[in-house]
């Protein structure tokens, strides 16, 4: 298979894309005690951009926008490897 054909093949492979709002650390007990209407504090402020994570790596950042009745993400920044390492 030529390099061109293998590139075309790879570009059609699906990958999981995660839009990360924030993170927190809970104990198993805290997790088990969560109930409807509980609030879990996250590590980011409400104005912070969201991370676009693929394969465990941050590839971009963006902001939430509405498209009709659905939420979407507008990409505001592409992240290079150095930026991703510095943000960790």
N, C-alpha and C. Protein backbone atom coordinates (compact mmCIF):
# COMPACT_ATOMS: atom_id res chain seq x y z
N UNK A 1 0.85 -1.17 0.00
CA UNK A 1 0.00 0.00 0.00
C UNK A 1 0.90 1.23 0.00
N UNK A 2 0.62 2.17 -0.87
CA UNK A 2 1.44 3.38 -0.94
C UNK A 2 1.17 4.27 0.27
N UNK A 3 2.11 5.21 0.54
CA UNK A 3 1.94 6.12 1.68
C UNK A 3 0.69 6.97 1.52
N UNK A 4 0.41 7.36 0.30
CA UNK A 4 -0.79 8.17 0.04
C UNK A 4 -2.06 7.41 0.38
N UNK A 5 -2.15 6.15 -0.02
CA UNK A 5 -3.32 5.33 0.27
C UNK A 5 -3.46 5.08 1.77
N UNK A 6 -2.34 4.85 2.47
CA UNK A 6 -2.43 4.60 3.91
C UNK A 6 -2.86 5.87 4.64
N UNK A 7 -2.45 7.04 4.18
CA UNK A 7 -2.89 8.30 4.79
C UNK A 7 -4.39 8.48 4.63
N UNK A 8 -4.90 8.18 3.46
CA UNK A 8 -6.34 8.30 3.21
C UNK A 8 -7.10 7.32 4.10
N UNK A 9 -6.58 6.13 4.25
CA UNK A 9 -7.21 5.12 5.11
C UNK A 9 -7.25 5.61 6.56
N UNK A 10 -6.14 6.14 7.06
CA UNK A 10 -6.07 6.61 8.43
C UNK A 10 -6.99 7.79 8.69
N UNK A 11 -7.15 8.64 7.70
CA UNK A 11 -7.98 9.84 7.91
C UNK A 11 -9.46 9.50 8.09
N UNK A 12 -9.86 8.30 7.72
CA UNK A 12 -11.26 7.89 7.87
C UNK A 12 -11.53 7.07 9.13
N UNK A 13 -10.48 6.84 9.96
CA UNK A 13 -10.68 6.08 11.20
C UNK A 13 -11.35 6.97 12.25
N UNK A 14 -12.41 6.47 12.88
CA UNK A 14 -13.06 7.27 13.92
C UNK A 14 -12.22 7.30 15.20
N UNK A 15 -12.24 8.43 15.89
CA UNK A 15 -11.58 8.57 17.19
C UNK A 15 -12.56 9.19 18.17
N UNK A 16 -12.38 8.89 19.44
CA UNK A 16 -13.22 9.49 20.46
C UNK A 16 -12.69 10.88 20.79
N UNK A 17 -13.56 11.86 20.76
CA UNK A 17 -13.21 13.23 21.10
C UNK A 17 -13.93 13.59 22.39
N UNK A 18 -13.18 14.04 23.38
CA UNK A 18 -13.73 14.41 24.67
C UNK A 18 -13.63 15.92 24.82
N UNK A 19 -14.74 16.55 25.17
CA UNK A 19 -14.75 17.97 25.48
C UNK A 19 -14.79 18.05 27.00
N UNK A 20 -13.70 18.52 27.58
CA UNK A 20 -13.55 18.47 29.04
C UNK A 20 -13.89 19.81 29.68
N UNK A 21 -14.90 19.78 30.51
CA UNK A 21 -15.36 20.96 31.23
C UNK A 21 -14.47 21.24 32.43
N UNK A 22 -13.99 20.21 33.09
CA UNK A 22 -13.14 20.36 34.25
C UNK A 22 -12.95 19.02 34.92
N UNK A 23 -12.17 19.03 35.99
CA UNK A 23 -11.89 17.80 36.73
C UNK A 23 -11.98 18.07 38.21
N UNK A 24 -12.17 17.01 38.95
CA UNK A 24 -12.09 17.07 40.40
C UNK A 24 -11.69 15.69 40.89
N UNK A 25 -11.32 15.61 42.14
CA UNK A 25 -10.94 14.33 42.73
C UNK A 25 -11.88 14.07 43.89
N UNK A 26 -12.52 12.91 43.88
CA UNK A 26 -13.43 12.51 44.95
C UNK A 26 -12.99 11.15 45.49
N UNK A 27 -13.32 10.91 46.75
CA UNK A 27 -13.10 9.56 47.28
C UNK A 27 -14.27 8.69 46.81
N UNK A 28 -14.11 7.40 46.93
CA UNK A 28 -15.19 6.48 46.58
C UNK A 28 -16.41 6.79 47.44
N UNK A 29 -16.19 7.08 48.71
CA UNK A 29 -17.30 7.41 49.61
C UNK A 29 -18.05 8.65 49.11
N UNK A 30 -17.31 9.72 48.75
CA UNK A 30 -17.95 10.94 48.25
C UNK A 30 -18.74 10.66 46.98
N UNK A 31 -18.17 9.85 46.11
CA UNK A 31 -18.84 9.49 44.87
C UNK A 31 -20.13 8.72 45.15
N UNK A 32 -20.06 7.77 46.07
CA UNK A 32 -21.23 6.95 46.41
C UNK A 32 -22.33 7.77 47.07
N UNK A 33 -21.95 8.86 47.75
CA UNK A 33 -22.93 9.68 48.46
C UNK A 33 -23.57 10.76 47.57
N UNK A 34 -23.13 10.88 46.32
CA UNK A 34 -23.72 11.89 45.43
C UNK A 34 -25.20 11.58 45.20
N UNK A 35 -25.99 12.61 45.17
CA UNK A 35 -27.42 12.46 44.97
C UNK A 35 -27.87 13.51 43.96
N UNK A 36 -29.06 13.37 43.47
CA UNK A 36 -29.65 14.32 42.54
C UNK A 36 -29.57 15.72 43.15
N UNK A 37 -29.23 16.70 42.32
CA UNK A 37 -29.12 18.12 42.70
C UNK A 37 -27.87 18.45 43.51
N UNK A 38 -26.99 17.47 43.78
CA UNK A 38 -25.71 17.79 44.42
C UNK A 38 -24.85 18.56 43.42
N UNK A 39 -23.95 19.35 43.93
CA UNK A 39 -23.05 20.15 43.09
C UNK A 39 -21.62 19.65 43.31
N UNK A 40 -20.91 19.39 42.23
CA UNK A 40 -19.52 18.95 42.29
C UNK A 40 -18.67 20.10 41.77
N UNK A 41 -17.81 20.64 42.63
CA UNK A 41 -16.92 21.73 42.24
C UNK A 41 -15.85 21.21 41.30
N UNK A 42 -15.56 21.99 40.25
CA UNK A 42 -14.54 21.62 39.28
C UNK A 42 -13.33 22.53 39.44
N UNK A 43 -12.24 22.15 38.82
CA UNK A 43 -10.98 22.88 38.97
C UNK A 43 -10.91 24.15 38.14
N UNK A 44 -11.85 24.37 37.25
CA UNK A 44 -11.81 25.53 36.36
C UNK A 44 -12.90 26.53 36.68
N UNK A 45 -12.62 27.77 36.33
CA UNK A 45 -13.64 28.80 36.44
C UNK A 45 -14.64 28.68 35.30
N UNK A 46 -15.76 29.33 35.46
CA UNK A 46 -16.83 29.22 34.46
C UNK A 46 -16.48 29.88 33.13
N UNK A 47 -15.51 30.78 33.12
CA UNK A 47 -15.12 31.46 31.89
C UNK A 47 -13.93 30.80 31.19
N UNK A 48 -13.35 29.78 31.81
CA UNK A 48 -12.18 29.12 31.23
C UNK A 48 -12.56 28.35 29.98
N UNK A 49 -11.68 28.31 28.99
CA UNK A 49 -11.99 27.52 27.78
C UNK A 49 -12.03 26.03 28.10
N UNK A 50 -12.78 25.29 27.30
CA UNK A 50 -12.89 23.84 27.45
C UNK A 50 -11.80 23.18 26.63
N UNK A 51 -11.27 22.06 27.12
CA UNK A 51 -10.24 21.32 26.39
C UNK A 51 -10.88 20.31 25.45
N UNK A 52 -10.28 20.16 24.27
CA UNK A 52 -10.65 19.11 23.32
C UNK A 52 -9.55 18.06 23.44
N UNK A 53 -9.93 16.87 23.93
CA UNK A 53 -8.96 15.83 24.24
C UNK A 53 -9.18 14.64 23.30
N UNK A 54 -8.09 14.21 22.67
CA UNK A 54 -8.12 13.03 21.80
C UNK A 54 -6.93 12.16 22.17
N UNK A 55 -7.19 10.91 22.45
CA UNK A 55 -6.10 10.01 22.82
C UNK A 55 -5.36 10.45 24.07
N UNK A 56 -6.05 11.10 24.99
CA UNK A 56 -5.43 11.54 26.22
C UNK A 56 -4.64 12.84 26.11
N UNK A 57 -4.62 13.45 24.93
CA UNK A 57 -3.86 14.68 24.72
C UNK A 57 -4.80 15.83 24.36
N UNK A 58 -4.50 17.00 24.90
CA UNK A 58 -5.26 18.20 24.57
C UNK A 58 -4.80 18.68 23.20
N UNK A 59 -5.74 18.74 22.25
CA UNK A 59 -5.42 19.19 20.89
C UNK A 59 -5.87 20.61 20.62
N UNK A 60 -6.91 21.04 21.34
CA UNK A 60 -7.47 22.37 21.10
C UNK A 60 -8.23 22.82 22.32
N UNK A 61 -8.61 24.09 22.31
CA UNK A 61 -9.48 24.64 23.36
C UNK A 61 -10.58 25.42 22.67
N UNK A 62 -11.70 25.57 23.38
CA UNK A 62 -12.81 26.28 22.76
C UNK A 62 -13.82 26.77 23.76
N UNK A 63 -14.89 27.33 23.22
CA UNK A 63 -15.96 27.88 24.04
C UNK A 63 -17.30 27.31 23.61
N UNK A 64 -18.20 27.21 24.57
CA UNK A 64 -19.53 26.68 24.29
C UNK A 64 -20.34 27.73 23.54
N UNK A 65 -21.03 27.29 22.48
CA UNK A 65 -21.95 28.13 21.72
C UNK A 65 -23.23 27.34 21.50
N UNK A 66 -24.30 28.04 21.21
CA UNK A 66 -25.57 27.38 20.89
C UNK A 66 -25.75 27.38 19.38
N UNK A 67 -26.13 26.24 18.84
CA UNK A 67 -26.47 26.09 17.43
C UNK A 67 -27.90 25.59 17.41
N UNK A 68 -28.82 26.52 17.21
CA UNK A 68 -30.22 26.17 17.34
C UNK A 68 -30.51 25.81 18.78
N UNK A 69 -31.02 24.60 18.98
CA UNK A 69 -31.35 24.12 20.33
C UNK A 69 -30.23 23.28 20.94
N UNK A 70 -29.12 23.12 20.23
CA UNK A 70 -28.05 22.25 20.70
C UNK A 70 -26.82 23.04 21.10
N UNK A 71 -26.09 22.48 22.06
CA UNK A 71 -24.81 23.05 22.45
C UNK A 71 -23.74 22.56 21.49
N UNK A 72 -22.75 23.42 21.25
CA UNK A 72 -21.64 23.06 20.38
C UNK A 72 -20.37 23.71 20.93
N UNK A 73 -19.26 23.44 20.32
CA UNK A 73 -17.99 24.01 20.75
C UNK A 73 -17.35 24.76 19.60
N UNK A 74 -17.02 26.01 19.83
CA UNK A 74 -16.27 26.81 18.85
C UNK A 74 -14.80 26.71 19.23
N UNK A 75 -13.97 26.23 18.31
CA UNK A 75 -12.54 26.11 18.56
C UNK A 75 -11.93 27.51 18.57
N UNK A 76 -11.24 27.84 19.65
CA UNK A 76 -10.62 29.16 19.77
C UNK A 76 -9.10 29.10 19.76
N UNK A 77 -8.56 27.88 19.95
CA UNK A 77 -7.11 27.75 20.04
C UNK A 77 -6.70 26.32 19.69
N UNK A 78 -5.69 26.17 18.86
CA UNK A 78 -5.07 24.87 18.62
C UNK A 78 -3.86 24.79 19.53
N UNK A 79 -3.69 23.66 20.19
CA UNK A 79 -2.64 23.51 21.19
C UNK A 79 -1.51 22.68 20.62
N UNK A 80 -0.28 23.18 20.72
CA UNK A 80 0.87 22.38 20.30
C UNK A 80 1.37 21.57 21.50
N UNK A 81 2.30 20.64 21.26
CA UNK A 81 2.78 19.75 22.32
C UNK A 81 3.37 20.53 23.50
N UNK A 82 4.10 21.58 23.22
CA UNK A 82 4.75 22.35 24.30
C UNK A 82 3.71 23.02 25.19
N UNK A 83 2.66 23.60 24.58
CA UNK A 83 1.60 24.23 25.36
C UNK A 83 0.90 23.20 26.24
N UNK A 84 0.63 22.03 25.70
CA UNK A 84 -0.07 20.98 26.43
C UNK A 84 0.76 20.52 27.62
N UNK A 85 2.08 20.39 27.45
CA UNK A 85 2.95 19.98 28.56
C UNK A 85 2.98 21.05 29.64
N UNK A 86 3.02 22.31 29.26
CA UNK A 86 3.08 23.40 30.23
C UNK A 86 1.78 23.53 31.01
N UNK A 87 0.65 23.17 30.39
CA UNK A 87 -0.65 23.28 31.05
C UNK A 87 -0.89 22.15 32.03
N UNK A 88 -0.14 21.05 31.91
CA UNK A 88 -0.37 19.89 32.79
C UNK A 88 0.15 20.10 34.17
